[in-house]
PDB file of N, CA and C in Angstrom:
ATOM      1  N   MET A   1    -100.254 -77.545 -52.829  1.00  0.00           N
ATOM      2  CA  MET A   1     -99.180 -78.509 -52.822  1.00  0.00           C
ATOM      3  C   MET A   1     -99.569 -79.667 -53.750  1.00  0.00           C
ATOM      4  N   LYS A   2     -98.611 -80.166 -54.482  1.00  0.00           N
ATOM      5  CA  LYS A   2     -98.830 -81.238 -55.446  1.00  0.00           C
ATOM      6  C   LYS A   2     -98.445 -82.580 -54.833  1.00  0.00           C
ATOM      7  N   ASN A   3     -99.244 -83.608 -55.086  1.00  0.00           N
ATOM      8  CA  ASN A   3     -98.907 -84.967 -54.649  1.00  0.00           C
ATOM      9  C   ASN A   3     -98.025 -85.634 -55.685  1.00  0.00           C
ATOM     10  N   LEU A   4     -97.156 -86.525 -55.223  1.00  0.00           N
ATOM     11  CA  LEU A   4     -96.215 -87.222 -56.081  1.00  0.00           C
ATOM     12  C   LEU A   4     -96.210 -88.687 -55.696  1.00  0.00           C
ATOM     13  N   THR A   5     -96.310 -89.559 -56.686  1.00  0.00           N
ATOM     14  CA  THR A   5     -96.280 -90.994 -56.435  1.00  0.00           C
ATOM     15  C   THR A   5     -94.930 -91.535 -56.880  1.00  0.00           C
ATOM     16  N   LEU A   6     -94.289 -92.303 -55.996  1.00  0.00           N
ATOM     17  CA  LEU A   6     -92.978 -92.877 -56.287  1.00  0.00           C
ATOM     18  C   LEU A   6     -93.018 -94.384 -56.109  1.00  0.00           C
ATOM     19  N   ALA A   7     -92.221 -95.101 -56.874  1.00  0.00           N
ATOM     20  CA  ALA A   7     -92.060 -96.535 -56.690  1.00  0.00           C
ATOM     21  C   ALA A   7     -90.744 -96.752 -55.949  1.00  0.00           C
ATOM     22  N   ILE A   8     -90.861 -97.197 -54.682  1.00  0.00           N
ATOM     23  CA  ILE A   8     -89.684 -97.360 -53.826  1.00  0.00           C
ATOM     24  C   ILE A   8     -89.749 -98.726 -53.157  1.00  0.00           C
ATOM     25  N   ASP A   9     -88.611 -99.385 -53.065  1.00  0.00           N
ATOM     26  CA  ASP A   9     -88.523-100.689 -52.432  1.00  0.00           C
ATOM     27  C   ASP A   9     -89.113-100.629 -51.018  1.00  0.00           C
ATOM     28  N   GLU A  10     -89.898-101.625 -50.664  1.00  0.00           N
ATOM     29  CA  GLU A  10     -90.597-101.663 -49.371  1.00  0.00           C
ATOM     30  C   GLU A  10     -89.635-101.596 -48.180  1.00  0.00           C
ATOM     31  N   ASN A  11     -88.533-102.338 -48.279  1.00  0.00           N
ATOM     32  CA  ASN A  11     -87.540-102.303 -47.191  1.00  0.00           C
ATOM     33  C   ASN A  11     -86.921-100.924 -47.031  1.00  0.00           C
ATOM     34  N   LEU A  12     -86.682-100.272 -48.153  1.00  0.00           N
ATOM     35  CA  LEU A  12     -86.127 -98.923 -48.107  1.00  0.00           C
ATOM     36  C   LEU A  12     -87.110 -97.971 -47.429  1.00  0.00           C
ATOM     37  N   VAL A  13     -88.379 -98.102 -47.747  1.00  0.00           N
ATOM     38  CA  VAL A  13     -89.400 -97.256 -47.123  1.00  0.00           C
ATOM     39  C   VAL A  13     -89.437 -97.496 -45.618  1.00  0.00           C
ATOM     40  N   LYS A  14     -89.372 -98.743 -45.195  1.00  0.00           N
ATOM     41  CA  LYS A  14     -89.392 -99.063 -43.767  1.00  0.00           C
ATOM     42  C   LYS A  14     -88.203 -98.438 -43.050  1.00  0.00           C
ATOM     43  N   ARG A  15     -87.018 -98.586 -43.641  1.00  0.00           N
ATOM     44  CA  ARG A  15     -85.816 -98.027 -43.029  1.00  0.00           C
ATOM     45  C   ARG A  15     -85.861 -96.501 -43.009  1.00  0.00           C
ATOM     46  N   ALA A  16     -86.363 -95.927 -44.085  1.00  0.00           N
ATOM     47  CA  ALA A  16     -86.456 -94.463 -44.164  1.00  0.00           C
ATOM     48  C   ALA A  16     -87.460 -93.922 -43.152  1.00  0.00           C
ATOM     49  N   ARG A  17     -88.583 -94.614 -42.979  1.00  0.00           N
ATOM     50  CA  ARG A  17     -89.574 -94.183 -41.976  1.00  0.00           C
ATOM     51  C   ARG A  17     -88.959 -94.218 -40.574  1.00  0.00           C
ATOM     52  N   LYS A  18     -88.204 -95.277 -40.306  1.00  0.00           N
ATOM     53  CA  LYS A  18     -87.560 -95.414 -38.996  1.00  0.00           C
ATOM     54  C   LYS A  18     -86.554 -94.284 -38.779  1.00  0.00           C
ATOM     55  N   ALA A  19     -85.776 -93.979 -39.810  1.00  0.00           N
ATOM     56  CA  ALA A  19     -84.790 -92.899 -39.708  1.00  0.00           C
ATOM     57  C   ALA A  19     -85.485 -91.557 -39.515  1.00  0.00           C
ATOM     58  N   ALA A  20     -86.567 -91.329 -40.245  1.00  0.00           N
ATOM     59  CA  ALA A  20     -87.317 -90.076 -40.108  1.00  0.00           C
ATOM     60  C   ALA A  20     -87.904 -89.949 -38.708  1.00  0.00           C
ATOM     61  N   LYS A  21     -88.422 -91.065 -38.190  1.00  0.00           N
ATOM     62  CA  LYS A  21     -89.004 -91.052 -36.852  1.00  0.00           C
ATOM     63  C   LYS A  21     -87.946 -90.693 -35.813  1.00  0.00           C
ATOM     64  N   SER A  22     -86.733 -91.196 -35.996  1.00  0.00           N
ATOM     65  CA  SER A  22     -85.659 -90.877 -35.049  1.00  0.00           C
ATOM     66  C   SER A  22     -85.315 -89.387 -35.084  1.00  0.00           C
ATOM     67  N   LEU A  23     -85.643 -88.727 -36.183  1.00  0.00           N
ATOM     68  CA  LEU A  23     -85.436 -87.284 -36.297  1.00  0.00           C
ATOM     69  C   LEU A  23     -86.651 -86.500 -35.810  1.00  0.00           C
ATOM     70  N   GLY A  24     -87.707 -87.229 -35.444  1.00  0.00           N
ATOM     71  CA  GLY A  24     -88.934 -86.574 -35.001  1.00  0.00           C
ATOM     72  C   GLY A  24     -89.750 -86.017 -36.154  1.00  0.00           C
ATOM     73  N   LYS A  25     -89.597 -86.644 -37.310  1.00  0.00           N
ATOM     74  CA  LYS A  25     -90.274 -86.165 -38.514  1.00  0.00           C
ATOM     75  C   LYS A  25     -90.967 -87.316 -39.217  1.00  0.00           C
ATOM     76  N   SER A  26     -91.884 -86.985 -40.098  1.00  0.00           N
ATOM     77  CA  SER A  26     -92.497 -87.997 -40.953  1.00  0.00           C
ATOM     78  C   SER A  26     -91.612 -88.191 -42.177  1.00  0.00           C
ATOM     79  N   LEU A  27     -91.792 -89.317 -42.833  1.00  0.00           N
ATOM     80  CA  LEU A  27     -91.040 -89.575 -44.062  1.00  0.00           C
ATOM     81  C   LEU A  27     -91.391 -88.518 -45.102  1.00  0.00           C
ATOM     82  N   ASN A  28     -92.652 -88.149 -45.167  1.00  0.00           N
ATOM     83  CA  ASN A  28     -93.101 -87.119 -46.097  1.00  0.00           C
ATOM     84  C   ASN A  28     -92.350 -85.804 -45.853  1.00  0.00           C
ATOM     85  N   GLN A  29     -92.211 -85.428 -44.604  1.00  0.00           N
ATOM     86  CA  GLN A  29     -91.517 -84.186 -44.257  1.00  0.00           C
ATOM     87  C   GLN A  29     -90.043 -84.257 -44.646  1.00  0.00           C
ATOM     88  N   VAL A  30     -89.412 -85.402 -44.383  1.00  0.00           N
ATOM     89  CA  VAL A  30     -87.992 -85.562 -44.727  1.00  0.00           C
ATOM     90  C   VAL A  30     -87.791 -85.464 -46.236  1.00  0.00           C
ATOM     91  N   VAL A  31     -88.658 -86.116 -46.998  1.00  0.00           N
ATOM     92  CA  VAL A  31     -88.548 -86.077 -48.465  1.00  0.00           C
ATOM     93  C   VAL A  31     -88.775 -84.653 -48.960  1.00  0.00           C
ATOM     94  N   ARG A  32     -89.787 -83.975 -48.425  1.00  0.00           N
ATOM     95  CA  ARG A  32     -90.076 -82.603 -48.834  1.00  0.00           C
ATOM     96  C   ARG A  32     -88.883 -81.691 -48.549  1.00  0.00           C
ATOM     97  N   GLU A  33     -88.307 -81.826 -47.352  1.00  0.00           N
ATOM     98  CA  GLU A  33     -87.149 -80.999 -46.996  1.00  0.00           C
ATOM     99  C   GLU A  33     -85.963 -81.291 -47.910  1.00  0.00           C
ATOM    100  N   TYR A  34     -85.770 -82.570 -48.242  1.00  0.00           N
ATOM    101  CA  TYR A  34     -84.670 -82.925 -49.136  1.00  0.00           C
ATOM    102  C   TYR A  34     -84.875 -82.292 -50.511  1.00  0.00           C
ATOM    103  N   LEU A  35     -86.096 -82.385 -51.026  1.00  0.00           N
ATOM    104  CA  LEU A  35     -86.371 -81.813 -52.339  1.00  0.00           C
ATOM    105  C   LEU A  35     -86.233 -80.293 -52.335  1.00  0.00           C
ATOM    106  N   GLU A  36     -86.645 -79.656 -51.250  1.00  0.00           N
ATOM    107  CA  GLU A  36     -86.471 -78.202 -51.137  1.00  0.00           C
ATOM    108  C   GLU A  36     -84.996 -77.840 -51.137  1.00  0.00           C
ATOM    109  N   GLU A  37     -84.201 -78.626 -50.407  1.00  0.00           N
ATOM    110  CA  GLU A  37     -82.763 -78.381 -50.372  1.00  0.00           C
ATOM    111  C   GLU A  37     -82.143 -78.626 -51.740  1.00  0.00           C
ATOM    112  N   LEU A  38     -82.551 -79.705 -52.385  1.00  0.00           N
ATOM    113  CA  LEU A  38     -82.038 -80.037 -53.710  1.00  0.00           C
ATOM    114  C   LEU A  38     -82.350 -78.937 -54.715  1.00  0.00           C
ATOM    115  N   ALA A  39     -83.551 -78.406 -54.636  1.00  0.00           N
ATOM    116  CA  ALA A  39     -83.968 -77.359 -55.557  1.00  0.00           C
ATOM    117  C   ALA A  39     -83.429 -75.993 -55.145  1.00  0.00           C
ATOM    118  N   GLY A  40     -82.939 -75.884 -53.904  1.00  0.00           N
ATOM    119  CA  GLY A  40     -82.371 -74.632 -53.440  1.00  0.00           C
ATOM    120  C   GLY A  40     -83.386 -73.520 -53.274  1.00  0.00           C
ATOM    121  N   THR A  41     -84.633 -73.869 -52.952  1.00  0.00           N
ATOM    122  CA  THR A  41     -85.672 -72.849 -52.896  1.00  0.00           C
ATOM    123  C   THR A  41     -86.008 -72.378 -51.495  1.00  0.00           C
ATOM    124  N   SER A  42     -85.602 -73.098 -50.476  1.00  0.00           N
ATOM    125  CA  SER A  42     -86.085 -72.723 -49.148  1.00  0.00           C
ATOM    126  C   SER A  42     -84.971 -72.570 -48.122  1.00  0.00           C
ATOM    127  N   ASP A  43     -83.818 -72.115 -48.554  1.00  0.00           N
ATOM    128  CA  ASP A  43     -82.713 -71.955 -47.614  1.00  0.00           C
ATOM    129  C   ASP A  43     -83.089 -71.025 -46.467  1.00  0.00           C
ATOM    130  N   ARG A  44     -83.637 -69.886 -46.796  1.00  0.00           N
ATOM    131  CA  ARG A  44     -83.999 -68.917 -45.760  1.00  0.00           C
ATOM    132  C   ARG A  44     -85.098 -69.476 -44.863  1.00  0.00           C
ATOM    133  N   GLU A  45     -86.120 -70.069 -45.478  1.00  0.00           N
ATOM    134  CA  GLU A  45     -87.218 -70.629 -44.698  1.00  0.00           C
ATOM    135  C   GLU A  45     -86.735 -71.753 -43.793  1.00  0.00           C
ATOM    136  N   ALA A  46     -85.843 -72.577 -44.305  1.00  0.00           N
ATOM    137  CA  ALA A  46     -85.311 -73.685 -43.501  1.00  0.00           C
ATOM    138  C   ALA A  46     -84.504 -73.164 -42.318  1.00  0.00           C
ATOM    139  N   LEU A  47     -83.709 -72.122 -42.540  1.00  0.00           N
ATOM    140  CA  LEU A  47     -82.926 -71.537 -41.451  1.00  0.00           C
ATOM    141  C   LEU A  47     -83.831 -70.923 -40.392  1.00  0.00           C
ATOM    142  N   VAL A  48     -84.868 -70.236 -40.830  1.00  0.00           N
ATOM    143  CA  VAL A  48     -85.814 -69.644 -39.879  1.00  0.00           C
ATOM    144  C   VAL A  48     -86.479 -70.742 -39.060  1.00  0.00           C
ATOM    145  N   GLU A  49     -86.897 -71.810 -39.721  1.00  0.00           N
ATOM    146  CA  GLU A  49     -87.546 -72.911 -39.010  1.00  0.00           C
ATOM    147  C   GLU A  49     -86.574 -73.584 -38.047  1.00  0.00           C
ATOM    148  N   GLU A  50     -85.329 -73.754 -38.466  1.00  0.00           N
ATOM    149  CA  GLU A  50     -84.334 -74.359 -37.589  1.00  0.00           C
ATOM    150  C   GLU A  50     -84.115 -73.495 -36.340  1.00  0.00           C
ATOM    151  N   LEU A  51     -84.056 -72.182 -36.529  1.00  0.00           N
ATOM    152  CA  LEU A  51     -83.900 -71.284 -35.385  1.00  0.00           C
ATOM    153  C   LEU A  51     -85.121 -71.345 -34.463  1.00  0.00           C
ATOM    154  N   ARG A  52     -86.305 -71.441 -35.044  1.00  0.00           N
ATOM    155  CA  ARG A  52     -87.513 -71.580 -34.231  1.00  0.00           C
ATOM    156  C   ARG A  52     -87.458 -72.851 -33.396  1.00  0.00           C
ATOM    157  N   GLN A  53     -87.044 -73.950 -34.033  1.00  0.00           N
ATOM    158  CA  GLN A  53     -86.959 -75.223 -33.315  1.00  0.00           C
ATOM    159  C   GLN A  53     -85.913 -75.151 -32.202  1.00  0.00           C
ATOM    160  N   LEU A  54     -84.779 -74.535 -32.475  1.00  0.00           N
ATOM    161  CA  LEU A  54     -83.739 -74.385 -31.453  1.00  0.00           C
ATOM    162  C   LEU A  54     -84.253 -73.551 -30.284  1.00  0.00           C
ATOM    163  N   ARG A  55     -84.997 -72.501 -30.592  1.00  0.00           N
ATOM    164  CA  ARG A  55     -85.544 -71.652 -29.538  1.00  0.00           C
ATOM    165  C   ARG A  55     -86.495 -72.434 -28.651  1.00  0.00           C
ATOM    166  N   LEU A  56     -87.275 -73.324 -29.266  1.00  0.00           N
ATOM    167  CA  LEU A  56     -88.248 -74.102 -28.511  1.00  0.00           C
ATOM    168  C   LEU A  56     -87.598 -75.205 -27.675  1.00  0.00           C
ATOM    169  N   THR A  57     -86.478 -75.745 -28.158  1.00  0.00           N
ATOM    170  CA  THR A  57     -85.872 -76.889 -27.483  1.00  0.00           C
ATOM    171  C   THR A  57     -84.697 -76.531 -26.582  1.00  0.00           C
ATOM    172  N   ALA A  58     -84.118 -75.358 -26.775  1.00  0.00           N
ATOM    173  CA  ALA A  58     -82.955 -74.964 -25.974  1.00  0.00           C
ATOM    174  C   ALA A  58     -83.390 -74.578 -24.568  1.00  0.00           C
ATOM    175  N   SER A  59     -82.650 -75.067 -23.590  1.00  0.00           N
ATOM    176  CA  SER A  59     -83.007 -74.753 -22.210  1.00  0.00           C
ATOM    177  C   SER A  59     -82.561 -73.349 -21.822  1.00  0.00           C
ATOM    178  N   GLY A  60     -81.458 -72.900 -22.372  1.00  0.00           N
ATOM    179  CA  GLY A  60     -80.962 -71.566 -22.054  1.00  0.00           C
ATOM    180  C   GLY A  60     -80.521 -71.421 -20.608  1.00  0.00           C
ATOM    181  N   ASP A  61     -80.251 -72.529 -19.941  1.00  0.00           N
ATOM    182  CA  ASP A  61     -79.871 -72.500 -18.529  1.00  0.00           C
ATOM    183  C   ASP A  61     -78.374 -72.710 -18.415  1.00  0.00           C
ATOM    184  N   SER A  62     -77.681 -71.715 -17.893  1.00  0.00           N
ATOM    185  CA  SER A  62     -76.230 -71.814 -17.745  1.00  0.00           C
ATOM    186  C   SER A  62     -75.835 -72.434 -16.419  1.00  0.00           C
ATOM    187  N   GLY A  63     -76.825 -72.785 -15.599  1.00  0.00           N
ATOM    188  CA  GLY A  63     -76.527 -73.370 -14.296  1.00  0.00           C
ATOM    189  C   GLY A  63     -75.877 -72.385 -13.346  1.00  0.00           C
ATOM    190  N   GLY A  64     -76.085 -71.100 -13.578  1.00  0.00           N
ATOM    191  CA  GLY A  64     -75.519 -70.084 -12.702  1.00  0.00           C
ATOM    192  C   GLY A  64     -74.160 -69.582 -13.134  1.00  0.00           C
ATOM    193  N   TRP A  65     -73.536 -70.242 -14.124  1.00  0.00           N
ATOM    194  CA  TRP A  65     -72.222 -69.821 -14.599  1.00  0.00           C
ATOM    195  C   TRP A  65     -72.331 -68.497 -15.318  1.00  0.00           C
ATOM    196  N   LYS A  66     -71.412 -67.598 -15.037  1.00  0.00           N
ATOM    197  CA  LYS A  66     -71.382 -66.305 -15.704  1.00  0.00           C
ATOM    198  C   LYS A  66     -70.044 -66.153 -16.414  1.00  0.00           C
ATOM    199  N   PHE A  67     -70.086 -65.566 -17.574  1.00  0.00           N
ATOM    200  CA  PHE A  67     -68.900 -65.318 -18.376  1.00  0.00           C
ATOM    201  C   PHE A  67     -68.031 -64.271 -17.696  1.00  0.00           C
ATOM    202  N   ASP A  68     -66.736 -64.556 -17.605  1.00  0.00           N
ATOM    203  CA  ASP A  68     -65.792 -63.604 -17.019  1.00  0.00           C
ATOM    204  C   ASP A  68     -64.714 -63.307 -18.061  1.00  0.00           C
ATOM    205  N   ARG A  69     -64.762 -62.123 -18.583  1.00  0.00           N
ATOM    206  CA  ARG A  69     -63.838 -61.732 -19.652  1.00  0.00           C
ATOM    207  C   ARG A  69     -62.374 -61.856 -19.227  1.00  0.00           C
ATOM    208  N   ASP A  70     -62.086 -61.586 -17.971  1.00  0.00           N
ATOM    209  CA  ASP A  70     -60.711 -61.645 -17.486  1.00  0.00           C
ATOM    210  C   ASP A  70     -60.142 -63.064 -17.520  1.00  0.00           C
ATOM    211  N   GLU A  71     -60.996 -64.076 -17.384  1.00  0.00           N
ATOM    212  CA  GLU A  71     -60.535 -65.470 -17.407  1.00  0.00           C
ATOM    213  C   GLU A  71     -59.926 -65.851 -18.752  1.00  0.00           C
ATOM    214  N   ILE A  72     -60.357 -65.212 -19.801  1.00  0.00           N
ATOM    215  CA  ILE A  72     -59.850 -65.518 -21.139  1.00  0.00           C
ATOM    216  C   ILE A  72     -58.366 -65.189 -21.239  1.00  0.00           C
ATOM    217  N   TYR A  73     -57.944 -64.133 -20.549  1.00  0.00           N
ATOM    218  CA  TYR A  73     -56.587 -63.634 -20.689  1.00  0.00           C
ATOM    219  C   TYR A  73     -55.626 -64.175 -19.639  1.00  0.00           C
ATOM    220  N   ASP A  74     -56.070 -65.101 -18.815  1.00  0.00           N
ATOM    221  CA  ASP A  74     -55.176 -65.681 -17.804  1.00  0.00           C
ATOM    222  C   ASP A  74     -54.226 -66.675 -18.397  1.00  0.00           C
TER     223      ASP A  74
END
């Protein structure tokens, strides 16, 4: 992986770090993901990672509710 140095306004960096933290990510991760999306190189990898994250965070608990096909047609 290559390092990149950028000149960015200090206030912008502070706000961006705060926004990244609210997403549960580092600023570095957010920038990397943005650049990958911009370059269009990791669509499949990003989708796989998103599905992995959903699998880890989803409760999968229906609270006992079961789907009833007949209810759709009432």
